[in-house]
């Protein structure tokens, strides 16, 4: 039952963050340390744009 002032949740932050972490974990699970450094360097450049 909805209360009068209850807001409808349109974005689930916890689920979204969990999904992102799982995606990254899958992408880097088999990487060597050197590959991981390059991955992080690439991600840093992408987020700066």
PDB file of N, CA and C in Angstrom:
ATOM      1  N   UNK A   1       0.834  -1.181   0.000  1.00  0.00           N
ATOM      2  CA  UNK A   1       0.000   0.000   0.000  1.00  0.00           C
ATOM      3  C   UNK A   1       0.884   1.251   0.000  1.00  0.00           C
ATOM      4  N   UNK A   2       0.651   2.160  -0.931  1.00  0.00           N
ATOM      5  CA  UNK A   2       1.426   3.387  -1.012  1.00  0.00           C
ATOM      6  C   UNK A   2       0.902   4.419  -0.024  1.00  0.00           C
ATOM      7  N   UNK A   3       1.825   5.080   0.609  1.00  0.00           N
ATOM      8  CA  UNK A   3       1.471   6.189   1.487  1.00  0.00           C
ATOM      9  C   UNK A   3       1.297   7.431   0.630  1.00  0.00           C
ATOM     10  N   UNK A   4       0.656   8.415   1.163  1.00  0.00           N
ATOM     11  CA  UNK A   4       0.358   9.639   0.419  1.00  0.00           C
ATOM     12  C   UNK A   4       1.620  10.334  -0.100  1.00  0.00           C
ATOM     13  N   UNK A   5       2.665  10.407   0.718  1.00  0.00           N
ATOM     14  CA  UNK A   5       3.882  11.128   0.345  1.00  0.00           C
ATOM     15  C   UNK A   5       4.996  10.216  -0.155  1.00  0.00           C
ATOM     16  N   UNK A   6       4.710   8.938  -0.344  1.00  0.00           N
ATOM     17  CA  UNK A   6       5.723   7.995  -0.799  1.00  0.00           C
ATOM     18  C   UNK A   6       6.066   8.245  -2.268  1.00  0.00           C
ATOM     19  N   UNK A   7       7.371   8.323  -2.545  1.00  0.00           N
ATOM     20  CA  UNK A   7       7.819   8.539  -3.925  1.00  0.00           C
ATOM     21  C   UNK A   7       8.020   7.195  -4.609  1.00  0.00           C
ATOM     22  N   UNK A   8       7.752   7.164  -5.878  1.00  0.00           N
ATOM     23  CA  UNK A   8       7.976   5.963  -6.669  1.00  0.00           C
ATOM     24  C   UNK A   8       9.446   5.940  -7.074  1.00  0.00           C
ATOM     25  N   UNK A   9      10.094   4.821  -6.790  1.00  0.00           N
ATOM     26  CA  UNK A   9      11.509   4.667  -7.080  1.00  0.00           C
ATOM     27  C   UNK A   9      11.696   4.440  -8.575  1.00  0.00           C
ATOM     28  N   UNK A  10      12.398   5.357  -9.237  1.00  0.00           N
ATOM     29  CA  UNK A  10      12.620   5.214 -10.671  1.00  0.00           C
ATOM     30  C   UNK A  10      14.042   4.771 -10.986  1.00  0.00           C
ATOM     31  N   UNK A  11      14.935   4.850 -10.011  1.00  0.00           N
ATOM     32  CA  UNK A  11      16.327   4.480 -10.229  1.00  0.00           C
ATOM     33  C   UNK A  11      16.838   3.777  -8.983  1.00  0.00           C
ATOM     34  N   UNK A  12      17.324   2.551  -9.143  1.00  0.00           N
ATOM     35  CA  UNK A  12      17.842   1.773  -8.020  1.00  0.00           C
ATOM     36  C   UNK A  12      19.366   1.863  -8.029  1.00  0.00           C
ATOM     37  N   UNK A  13      19.903   2.725  -7.194  1.00  0.00           N
ATOM     38  CA  UNK A  13      21.339   2.979  -7.149  1.00  0.00           C
ATOM     39  C   UNK A  13      22.121   1.728  -6.782  1.00  0.00           C
ATOM     40  N   UNK A  14      21.673   1.006  -5.778  1.00  0.00           N
ATOM     41  CA  UNK A  14      22.394  -0.189  -5.327  1.00  0.00           C
ATOM     42  C   UNK A  14      22.464  -1.237  -6.435  1.00  0.00           C
ATOM     43  N   UNK A  15      21.349  -1.493  -7.109  1.00  0.00           N
ATOM     44  CA  UNK A  15      21.327  -2.480  -8.193  1.00  0.00           C
ATOM     45  C   UNK A  15      22.226  -2.037  -9.341  1.00  0.00           C
ATOM     46  N   UNK A  16      22.157  -0.758  -9.698  1.00  0.00           N
ATOM     47  CA  UNK A  16      22.979  -0.245 -10.791  1.00  0.00           C
ATOM     48  C   UNK A  16      24.459  -0.380 -10.467  1.00  0.00           C
ATOM     49  N   UNK A  17      24.849   0.007  -9.247  1.00  0.00           N
ATOM     50  CA  UNK A  17      26.250  -0.077  -8.849  1.00  0.00           C
ATOM     51  C   UNK A  17      26.713  -1.529  -8.827  1.00  0.00           C
ATOM     52  N   UNK A  18      25.877  -2.436  -8.346  1.00  0.00           N
ATOM     53  CA  UNK A  18      26.204  -3.858  -8.310  1.00  0.00           C
ATOM     54  C   UNK A  18      26.394  -4.395  -9.731  1.00  0.00           C
ATOM     55  N   UNK A  19      25.505  -4.003 -10.646  1.00  0.00           N
ATOM     56  CA  UNK A  19      25.619  -4.436 -12.045  1.00  0.00           C
ATOM     57  C   UNK A  19      26.925  -3.956 -12.669  1.00  0.00           C
ATOM     58  N   UNK A  20      27.285  -2.713 -12.401  1.00  0.00           N
ATOM     59  CA  UNK A  20      28.531  -2.155 -12.939  1.00  0.00           C
ATOM     60  C   UNK A  20      29.737  -2.915 -12.386  1.00  0.00           C
ATOM     61  N   UNK A  21      29.738  -3.176 -11.072  1.00  0.00           N
ATOM     62  CA  UNK A  21      30.854  -3.903 -10.463  1.00  0.00           C
ATOM     63  C   UNK A  21      30.977  -5.312 -11.032  1.00  0.00           C
ATOM     64  N   UNK A  22      29.860  -5.985 -11.252  1.00  0.00           N
ATOM     65  CA  UNK A  22      29.892  -7.335 -11.816  1.00  0.00           C
ATOM     66  C   UNK A  22      30.421  -7.319 -13.245  1.00  0.00           C
ATOM     67  N   UNK A  23      30.030  -6.309 -14.034  1.00  0.00           N
ATOM     68  CA  UNK A  23      30.500  -6.189 -15.418  1.00  0.00           C
ATOM     69  C   UNK A  23      32.020  -5.993 -15.443  1.00  0.00           C
ATOM     70  N   UNK A  24      32.520  -5.111 -14.586  1.00  0.00           N
ATOM     71  CA  UNK A  24      33.960  -4.855 -14.529  1.00  0.00           C
ATOM     72  C   UNK A  24      34.701  -6.106 -14.066  1.00  0.00           C
ATOM     73  N   UNK A  25      34.168  -6.785 -13.075  1.00  0.00           N
ATOM     74  CA  UNK A  25      34.808  -8.007 -12.566  1.00  0.00           C
ATOM     75  C   UNK A  25      34.944  -9.051 -13.659  1.00  0.00           C
ATOM     76  N   UNK A  26      33.915  -9.203 -14.491  1.00  0.00           N
ATOM     77  CA  UNK A  26      33.979 -10.162 -15.599  1.00  0.00           C
ATOM     78  C   UNK A  26      35.019  -9.740 -16.625  1.00  0.00           C
ATOM     79  N   UNK A  27      35.076  -8.435 -16.905  1.00  0.00           N
ATOM     80  CA  UNK A  27      36.014  -7.937 -17.921  1.00  0.00           C
ATOM     81  C   UNK A  27      37.466  -8.128 -17.497  1.00  0.00           C
ATOM     82  N   UNK A  28      37.776  -7.991 -16.212  1.00  0.00           N
ATOM     83  CA  UNK A  28      39.168  -8.011 -15.769  1.00  0.00           C
ATOM     84  C   UNK A  28      39.587  -9.327 -15.121  1.00  0.00           C
ATOM     85  N   UNK A  29      38.689 -10.282 -15.034  1.00  0.00           N
ATOM     86  CA  UNK A  29      38.983 -11.505 -14.280  1.00  0.00           C
ATOM     87  C   UNK A  29      40.183 -12.293 -14.811  1.00  0.00           C
ATOM     88  N   UNK A  30      40.407 -12.310 -16.098  1.00  0.00           N
ATOM     89  CA  UNK A  30      41.504 -13.091 -16.672  1.00  0.00           C
ATOM     90  C   UNK A  30      42.679 -12.243 -17.138  1.00  0.00           C
ATOM     91  N   UNK A  31      42.722 -11.005 -16.724  1.00  0.00           N
ATOM     92  CA  UNK A  31      43.788 -10.108 -17.179  1.00  0.00           C
ATOM     93  C   UNK A  31      45.042 -10.258 -16.330  1.00  0.00           C
ATOM     94  N   UNK A  32      46.175 -10.052 -16.993  1.00  0.00           N
ATOM     95  CA  UNK A  32      47.437  -9.950 -16.263  1.00  0.00           C
ATOM     96  C   UNK A  32      47.511  -8.549 -15.661  1.00  0.00           C
ATOM     97  N   UNK A  33      48.517  -8.336 -14.821  1.00  0.00           N
ATOM     98  CA  UNK A  33      48.678  -7.026 -14.206  1.00  0.00           C
ATOM     99  C   UNK A  33      48.905  -5.948 -15.267  1.00  0.00           C
ATOM    100  N   UNK A  34      49.701  -6.262 -16.277  1.00  0.00           N
ATOM    101  CA  UNK A  34      49.966  -5.289 -17.343  1.00  0.00           C
ATOM    102  C   UNK A  34      48.688  -4.976 -18.120  1.00  0.00           C
ATOM    103  N   UNK A  35      47.899  -6.007 -18.429  1.00  0.00           N
ATOM    104  CA  UNK A  35      46.628  -5.798 -19.127  1.00  0.00           C
ATOM    105  C   UNK A  35      45.673  -4.952 -18.278  1.00  0.00           C
ATOM    106  N   UNK A  36      45.671  -5.208 -16.977  1.00  0.00           N
ATOM    107  CA  UNK A  36      44.814  -4.442 -16.071  1.00  0.00           C
ATOM    108  C   UNK A  36      45.217  -2.969 -16.039  1.00  0.00           C
ATOM    109  N   UNK A  37      46.511  -2.706 -16.021  1.00  0.00           N
ATOM    110  CA  UNK A  37      46.978  -1.313 -16.052  1.00  0.00           C
ATOM    111  C   UNK A  37      46.510  -0.608 -17.320  1.00  0.00           C
ATOM    112  N   UNK A  38      46.610  -1.289 -18.466  1.00  0.00           N
ATOM    113  CA  UNK A  38      46.157  -0.705 -19.728  1.00  0.00           C
ATOM    114  C   UNK A  38      44.642  -0.492 -19.729  1.00  0.00           C
ATOM    115  N   UNK A  39      43.915  -1.444 -19.192  1.00  0.00           N
ATOM    116  CA  UNK A  39      42.449  -1.333 -19.089  1.00  0.00           C
ATOM    117  C   UNK A  39      42.078  -0.095 -18.277  1.00  0.00           C
ATOM    118  N   UNK A  40      42.709   0.060 -17.117  1.00  0.00           N
ATOM    119  CA  UNK A  40      42.403   1.210 -16.258  1.00  0.00           C
ATOM    120  C   UNK A  40      42.806   2.528 -16.920  1.00  0.00           C
ATOM    121  N   UNK A  41      43.921   2.516 -17.620  1.00  0.00           N
ATOM    122  CA  UNK A  41      44.373   3.712 -18.329  1.00  0.00           C
ATOM    123  C   UNK A  41      43.354   4.088 -19.401  1.00  0.00           C
ATOM    124  N   UNK A  42      42.866   3.105 -20.142  1.00  0.00           N
ATOM    125  CA  UNK A  42      41.870   3.329 -21.188  1.00  0.00           C
ATOM    126  C   UNK A  42      40.560   3.854 -20.589  1.00  0.00           C
ATOM    127  N   UNK A  43      40.129   3.260 -19.472  1.00  0.00           N
ATOM    128  CA  UNK A  43      38.890   3.686 -18.826  1.00  0.00           C
ATOM    129  C   UNK A  43      38.994   5.123 -18.308  1.00  0.00           C
ATOM    130  N   UNK A  44      40.171   5.465 -17.807  1.00  0.00           N
ATOM    131  CA  UNK A  44      40.396   6.821 -17.313  1.00  0.00           C
ATOM    132  C   UNK A  44      40.287   7.822 -18.450  1.00  0.00           C
ATOM    133  N   UNK A  45      40.847   7.490 -19.619  1.00  0.00           N
ATOM    134  CA  UNK A  45      40.774   8.380 -20.774  1.00  0.00           C
ATOM    135  C   UNK A  45      39.324   8.522 -21.268  1.00  0.00           C
ATOM    136  N   UNK A  46      38.569   7.419 -21.248  1.00  0.00           N
ATOM    137  CA  UNK A  46      37.174   7.459 -21.690  1.00  0.00           C
ATOM    138  C   UNK A  46      36.331   8.347 -20.788  1.00  0.00           C
ATOM    139  N   UNK A  47      36.574   8.300 -19.482  1.00  0.00           N
ATOM    140  CA  UNK A  47      35.740   9.064 -18.551  1.00  0.00           C
ATOM    141  C   UNK A  47      36.099  10.556 -18.565  1.00  0.00           C
ATOM    142  N   UNK A  48      37.260  10.912 -19.067  1.00  0.00           N
ATOM    143  CA  UNK A  48      37.690  12.308 -19.096  1.00  0.00           C
ATOM    144  C   UNK A  48      37.045  13.071 -20.251  1.00  0.00           C
ATOM    145  N   UNK A  49      36.478  12.353 -21.200  1.00  0.00           N
ATOM    146  CA  UNK A  49      35.893  13.012 -22.380  1.00  0.00           C
ATOM    147  C   UNK A  49      34.540  13.576 -22.099  1.00  0.00           C
TER     148      UNK A  49
END
